[in-house]
Amino acid sequence: MARTPRMAQIEAMLADDPDDAFLRYGLGMEHASAGDDAACVDVLRDLIARSAANPYVPAYLQCGQALARLDRAAEACAVLRAGVEAARAAGDTHAQGEMQGLLLSLE
């Protein structure tokens, strides 16, 4: 997929702060918006790994959704299960419920 000007802007900002979860999430969403779910998954998996000590909960849901769009249901379920646990630990019941719903639809 083509790299958008917004992707270039976000990547430039990430060069200064590679562990900025919000920017990394934004880059993943930009890939999803451009129709490149594989790149979205790569970016969000990197974010999930980088933020393991303090999980960025929305990344799990979006990664799971992108994997589902790629017909990679088993991988989507694994990410969503981890996301449900991260959301539970963070007290984010809304995200937890969304991920549980998607998980049920995939299993």
N, C-alpha and C. Protein backbone atom coordinates (compact mmCIF):
# COMPACT_ATOMS: atom_id res chain seq x y z
N MET A 1 0.83 -1.18 0.00
CA MET A 1 0.00 0.00 0.00
C MET A 1 0.88 1.25 0.00
N ALA A 2 0.32 2.29 -0.50
CA ALA A 2 1.05 3.55 -0.56
C ALA A 2 1.15 4.18 0.82
N ARG A 3 2.26 4.80 1.06
CA ARG A 3 2.48 5.52 2.31
C ARG A 3 1.83 6.90 2.20
N THR A 4 1.00 7.23 3.15
CA THR A 4 0.29 8.50 3.12
C THR A 4 1.15 9.60 3.75
N PRO A 5 0.84 10.86 3.44
CA PRO A 5 1.56 11.96 4.10
C PRO A 5 1.42 11.90 5.63
N ARG A 6 0.26 11.49 6.10
CA ARG A 6 0.04 11.39 7.55
C ARG A 6 0.97 10.31 8.15
N MET A 7 1.13 9.20 7.45
CA MET A 7 2.06 8.16 7.93
C MET A 7 3.46 8.72 8.06
N ALA A 8 3.87 9.49 7.07
CA ALA A 8 5.20 10.09 7.10
C ALA A 8 5.35 11.03 8.30
N GLN A 9 4.33 11.81 8.58
CA GLN A 9 4.37 12.73 9.73
C GLN A 9 4.50 11.95 11.04
N ILE A 10 3.69 10.91 11.17
CA ILE A 10 3.71 10.12 12.40
C ILE A 10 5.06 9.42 12.55
N GLU A 11 5.57 8.86 11.46
CA GLU A 11 6.87 8.18 11.52
C GLU A 11 7.99 9.15 11.91
N ALA A 12 7.90 10.39 11.44
CA ALA A 12 8.91 11.38 11.81
C ALA A 12 8.84 11.68 13.30
N MET A 13 7.64 11.78 13.84
CA MET A 13 7.49 12.02 15.27
C MET A 13 7.96 10.81 16.08
N LEU A 14 7.70 9.61 15.57
CA LEU A 14 8.14 8.39 16.25
C LEU A 14 9.66 8.26 16.26
N ALA A 15 10.32 8.85 15.27
CA ALA A 15 11.79 8.83 15.25
C ALA A 15 12.34 9.54 16.47
N ASP A 16 11.62 10.58 16.93
CA ASP A 16 12.04 11.32 18.12
C ASP A 16 11.63 10.62 19.41
N ASP A 17 10.55 9.88 19.37
CA ASP A 17 10.03 9.20 20.57
C ASP A 17 9.43 7.86 20.17
N PRO A 18 10.27 6.84 19.94
CA PRO A 18 9.79 5.56 19.42
C PRO A 18 8.83 4.81 20.34
N ASP A 19 8.80 5.15 21.61
CA ASP A 19 7.92 4.45 22.54
C ASP A 19 6.62 5.20 22.83
N ASP A 20 6.31 6.22 22.04
CA ASP A 20 5.06 6.97 22.23
C ASP A 20 3.89 6.09 21.75
N ALA A 21 3.15 5.56 22.70
CA ALA A 21 2.07 4.63 22.39
C ALA A 21 0.98 5.28 21.54
N PHE A 22 0.64 6.52 21.83
CA PHE A 22 -0.42 7.19 21.08
C PHE A 22 -0.03 7.36 19.62
N LEU A 23 1.21 7.76 19.37
CA LEU A 23 1.68 7.91 17.99
C LEU A 23 1.72 6.56 17.27
N ARG A 24 2.22 5.54 17.94
CA ARG A 24 2.32 4.22 17.32
C ARG A 24 0.92 3.69 17.00
N TYR A 25 -0.03 3.91 17.91
CA TYR A 25 -1.41 3.51 17.67
C TYR A 25 -1.97 4.27 16.46
N GLY A 26 -1.69 5.56 16.40
CA GLY A 26 -2.14 6.38 15.27
C GLY A 26 -1.58 5.88 13.95
N LEU A 27 -0.33 5.44 13.96
CA LEU A 27 0.27 4.90 12.74
C LEU A 27 -0.45 3.62 12.32
N GLY A 28 -0.75 2.77 13.28
CA GLY A 28 -1.49 1.55 12.97
C GLY A 28 -2.85 1.86 12.37
N MET A 29 -3.54 2.83 12.95
CA MET A 29 -4.86 3.21 12.45
C MET A 29 -4.79 3.85 11.06
N GLU A 30 -3.70 4.55 10.81
CA GLU A 30 -3.51 5.14 9.48
C GLU A 30 -3.36 4.02 8.44
N HIS A 31 -2.63 2.98 8.78
CA HIS A 31 -2.50 1.83 7.87
C HIS A 31 -3.85 1.17 7.65
N ALA A 32 -4.63 1.01 8.71
CA ALA A 32 -5.96 0.41 8.57
C ALA A 32 -6.84 1.27 7.67
N SER A 33 -6.78 2.58 7.86
CA SER A 33 -7.58 3.50 7.02
C SER A 33 -7.19 3.42 5.56
N ALA A 34 -5.90 3.13 5.32
CA ALA A 34 -5.41 3.02 3.94
C ALA A 34 -5.70 1.63 3.36
N GLY A 35 -6.30 0.75 4.16
CA GLY A 35 -6.63 -0.59 3.66
C GLY A 35 -5.52 -1.60 3.78
N ASP A 36 -4.49 -1.27 4.54
CA ASP A 36 -3.34 -2.17 4.70
C ASP A 36 -3.40 -2.81 6.09
N ASP A 37 -4.27 -3.81 6.21
CA ASP A 37 -4.45 -4.46 7.51
C ASP A 37 -3.21 -5.21 7.97
N ALA A 38 -2.43 -5.75 7.05
CA ALA A 38 -1.21 -6.46 7.44
C ALA A 38 -0.22 -5.51 8.11
N ALA A 39 -0.04 -4.32 7.54
CA ALA A 39 0.85 -3.34 8.16
C ALA A 39 0.27 -2.85 9.48
N CYS A 40 -1.04 -2.70 9.54
CA CYS A 40 -1.71 -2.31 10.78
C CYS A 40 -1.39 -3.32 11.88
N VAL A 41 -1.51 -4.59 11.57
CA VAL A 41 -1.22 -5.65 12.54
C VAL A 41 0.23 -5.57 12.99
N ASP A 42 1.15 -5.38 12.06
CA ASP A 42 2.57 -5.29 12.43
C ASP A 42 2.83 -4.15 13.41
N VAL A 43 2.27 -3.00 13.11
CA VAL A 43 2.48 -1.81 13.97
C VAL A 43 1.85 -2.03 15.34
N LEU A 44 0.64 -2.57 15.36
CA LEU A 44 -0.05 -2.75 16.64
C LEU A 44 0.58 -3.86 17.48
N ARG A 45 1.07 -4.90 16.83
CA ARG A 45 1.78 -5.94 17.60
C ARG A 45 3.05 -5.37 18.21
N ASP A 46 3.72 -4.51 17.46
CA ASP A 46 4.91 -3.84 18.01
C ASP A 46 4.52 -2.98 19.21
N LEU A 47 3.43 -2.26 19.09
CA LEU A 47 2.95 -1.43 20.19
C LEU A 47 2.61 -2.29 21.41
N ILE A 48 1.92 -3.39 21.20
CA ILE A 48 1.56 -4.29 22.30
C ILE A 48 2.82 -4.79 23.00
N ALA A 49 3.83 -5.16 22.24
CA ALA A 49 5.08 -5.64 22.83
C ALA A 49 5.80 -4.52 23.59
N ARG A 50 5.84 -3.33 23.00
CA ARG A 50 6.54 -2.20 23.63
C ARG A 50 5.85 -1.74 24.91
N SER A 51 4.54 -1.91 24.98
CA SER A 51 3.80 -1.38 26.13
C SER A 51 3.37 -2.49 27.10
N ALA A 52 4.09 -3.60 27.10
CA ALA A 52 3.70 -4.75 27.92
C ALA A 52 3.58 -4.39 29.40
N ALA A 53 4.45 -3.53 29.89
CA ALA A 53 4.42 -3.16 31.31
C ALA A 53 3.20 -2.29 31.64
N ASN A 54 2.74 -1.52 30.68
CA ASN A 54 1.58 -0.65 30.85
C ASN A 54 0.76 -0.74 29.57
N PRO A 55 -0.03 -1.80 29.40
CA PRO A 55 -0.68 -2.08 28.12
C PRO A 55 -1.53 -0.93 27.57
N TYR A 56 -1.41 -0.73 26.28
CA TYR A 56 -2.24 0.23 25.56
C TYR A 56 -3.43 -0.55 25.04
N VAL A 57 -4.49 -0.61 25.82
CA VAL A 57 -5.62 -1.50 25.61
C VAL A 57 -6.26 -1.39 24.22
N PRO A 58 -6.49 -0.20 23.66
CA PRO A 58 -7.13 -0.13 22.35
C PRO A 58 -6.37 -0.87 21.25
N ALA A 59 -5.07 -1.03 21.42
CA ALA A 59 -4.27 -1.72 20.40
C ALA A 59 -4.71 -3.17 20.24
N TYR A 60 -5.11 -3.80 21.32
CA TYR A 60 -5.53 -5.20 21.24
C TYR A 60 -6.80 -5.34 20.40
N LEU A 61 -7.78 -4.49 20.65
CA LEU A 61 -9.03 -4.56 19.90
C LEU A 61 -8.79 -4.31 18.42
N GLN A 62 -8.07 -3.25 18.11
CA GLN A 62 -7.84 -2.91 16.71
C GLN A 62 -6.99 -3.97 16.00
N CYS A 63 -6.02 -4.52 16.71
CA CYS A 63 -5.21 -5.59 16.13
C CYS A 63 -6.08 -6.82 15.86
N GLY A 64 -6.93 -7.16 16.81
CA GLY A 64 -7.84 -8.28 16.63
C GLY A 64 -8.78 -8.08 15.46
N GLN A 65 -9.30 -6.87 15.32
CA GLN A 65 -10.19 -6.57 14.20
C GLN A 65 -9.46 -6.68 12.87
N ALA A 66 -8.23 -6.16 12.80
CA ALA A 66 -7.46 -6.24 11.56
C ALA A 66 -7.14 -7.70 11.22
N LEU A 67 -6.78 -8.49 12.22
CA LEU A 67 -6.51 -9.91 11.97
C LEU A 67 -7.77 -10.62 11.48
N ALA A 68 -8.91 -10.28 12.04
CA ALA A 68 -10.18 -10.87 11.59
C ALA A 68 -10.45 -10.51 10.14
N ARG A 69 -10.18 -9.26 9.76
CA ARG A 69 -10.38 -8.84 8.36
C ARG A 69 -9.45 -9.59 7.42
N LEU A 70 -8.30 -10.02 7.95
CA LEU A 70 -7.33 -10.78 7.15
C LEU A 70 -7.64 -12.28 7.18
N ASP A 71 -8.75 -12.66 7.78
CA ASP A 71 -9.15 -14.07 7.92
C ASP A 71 -8.12 -14.88 8.71
N ARG A 72 -7.55 -14.26 9.71
CA ARG A 72 -6.60 -14.92 10.60
C ARG A 72 -7.24 -15.01 11.98
N ALA A 73 -8.34 -15.78 12.03
CA ALA A 73 -9.19 -15.84 13.22
C ALA A 73 -8.46 -16.37 14.45
N ALA A 74 -7.65 -17.38 14.29
CA ALA A 74 -6.95 -17.95 15.46
C ALA A 74 -6.03 -16.91 16.08
N GLU A 75 -5.31 -16.17 15.24
CA GLU A 75 -4.43 -15.12 15.73
C GLU A 75 -5.24 -13.99 16.37
N ALA A 76 -6.36 -13.65 15.75
CA ALA A 76 -7.23 -12.60 16.29
C ALA A 76 -7.72 -13.00 17.68
N CYS A 77 -8.12 -14.25 17.83
CA CYS A 77 -8.62 -14.72 19.13
C CYS A 77 -7.53 -14.65 20.19
N ALA A 78 -6.31 -15.01 19.84
CA ALA A 78 -5.20 -14.95 20.80
C ALA A 78 -4.95 -13.52 21.25
N VAL A 79 -4.94 -12.59 20.32
CA VAL A 79 -4.73 -11.17 20.66
C VAL A 79 -5.88 -10.67 21.51
N LEU A 80 -7.09 -11.02 21.15
CA LEU A 80 -8.26 -10.55 21.89
C LEU A 80 -8.30 -11.12 23.31
N ARG A 81 -7.91 -12.38 23.47
CA ARG A 81 -7.86 -12.95 24.83
C ARG A 81 -6.87 -12.17 25.69
N ALA A 82 -5.71 -11.88 25.12
CA ALA A 82 -4.72 -11.08 25.87
C ALA A 82 -5.27 -9.69 26.15
N GLY A 83 -6.00 -9.13 25.20
CA GLY A 83 -6.59 -7.82 25.37
C GLY A 83 -7.66 -7.78 26.44
N VAL A 84 -8.45 -8.84 26.53
CA VAL A 84 -9.46 -8.92 27.58
C VAL A 84 -8.78 -8.89 28.94
N GLU A 85 -7.70 -9.61 29.08
CA GLU A 85 -6.97 -9.62 30.35
C GLU A 85 -6.35 -8.25 30.65
N ALA A 86 -5.79 -7.62 29.62
CA ALA A 86 -5.21 -6.29 29.81
C ALA A 86 -6.28 -5.27 30.19
N ALA A 87 -7.44 -5.36 29.55
CA ALA A 87 -8.54 -4.44 29.86
C ALA A 87 -9.06 -4.69 31.27
N ARG A 88 -9.17 -5.96 31.64
CA ARG A 88 -9.63 -6.29 32.99
C ARG A 88 -8.67 -5.70 34.03
N ALA A 89 -7.37 -5.89 33.80
CA ALA A 89 -6.36 -5.38 34.74
C ALA A 89 -6.40 -3.85 34.82
N ALA A 90 -6.71 -3.21 33.70
CA ALA A 90 -6.76 -1.74 33.66
C ALA A 90 -8.10 -1.19 34.14
N GLY A 91 -9.07 -2.07 34.36
CA GLY A 91 -10.39 -1.62 34.77
C GLY A 91 -11.20 -1.00 33.64
N ASP A 92 -10.84 -1.33 32.41
CA ASP A 92 -11.53 -0.78 31.23
C ASP A 92 -12.62 -1.76 30.79
N THR A 93 -13.77 -1.68 31.46
CA THR A 93 -14.84 -2.63 31.19
C THR A 93 -15.45 -2.47 29.80
N HIS A 94 -15.44 -1.26 29.28
CA HIS A 94 -15.98 -1.04 27.94
C HIS A 94 -15.15 -1.79 26.90
N ALA A 95 -13.84 -1.59 26.92
CA ALA A 95 -12.97 -2.28 25.96
C ALA A 95 -13.02 -3.79 26.18
N GLN A 96 -13.08 -4.19 27.44
CA GLN A 96 -13.17 -5.61 27.76
C GLN A 96 -14.41 -6.23 27.10
N GLY A 97 -15.53 -5.56 27.24
CA GLY A 97 -16.78 -6.05 26.65
C GLY A 97 -16.74 -6.11 25.14
N GLU A 98 -16.15 -5.08 24.52
CA GLU A 98 -16.04 -5.08 23.05
C GLU A 98 -15.20 -6.24 22.58
N MET A 99 -14.08 -6.48 23.25
CA MET A 99 -13.19 -7.57 22.84
C MET A 99 -13.84 -8.93 23.10
N GLN A 100 -14.55 -9.07 24.21
CA GLN A 100 -15.25 -10.33 24.48
C GLN A 100 -16.31 -10.61 23.41
N GLY A 101 -17.02 -9.57 23.00
CA GLY A 101 -18.02 -9.72 21.95
C GLY A 101 -17.41 -10.16 20.64
N LEU A 102 -16.32 -9.52 20.25
CA LEU A 102 -15.65 -9.91 19.01
C LEU A 102 -15.10 -11.32 19.12
N LEU A 103 -14.53 -11.63 20.26
CA LEU A 103 -13.98 -12.96 20.49
C LEU A 103 -15.08 -14.02 20.32
N LEU A 104 -16.24 -13.79 20.90
CA LEU A 104 -17.36 -14.74 20.77
C LEU A 104 -17.78 -14.92 19.32
N SER A 105 -17.74 -13.85 18.55
CA SER A 105 -18.14 -13.94 17.15
C SER A 105 -17.13 -14.71 16.30
N LEU A 106 -15.89 -14.80 16.78
CA LEU A 106 -14.83 -15.47 16.02
C LEU A 106 -14.64 -16.93 16.41
N GLU A 107 -15.04 -17.27 17.63
CA GLU A 107 -14.80 -18.64 18.12
C GLU A 107 -15.85 -19.61 17.61
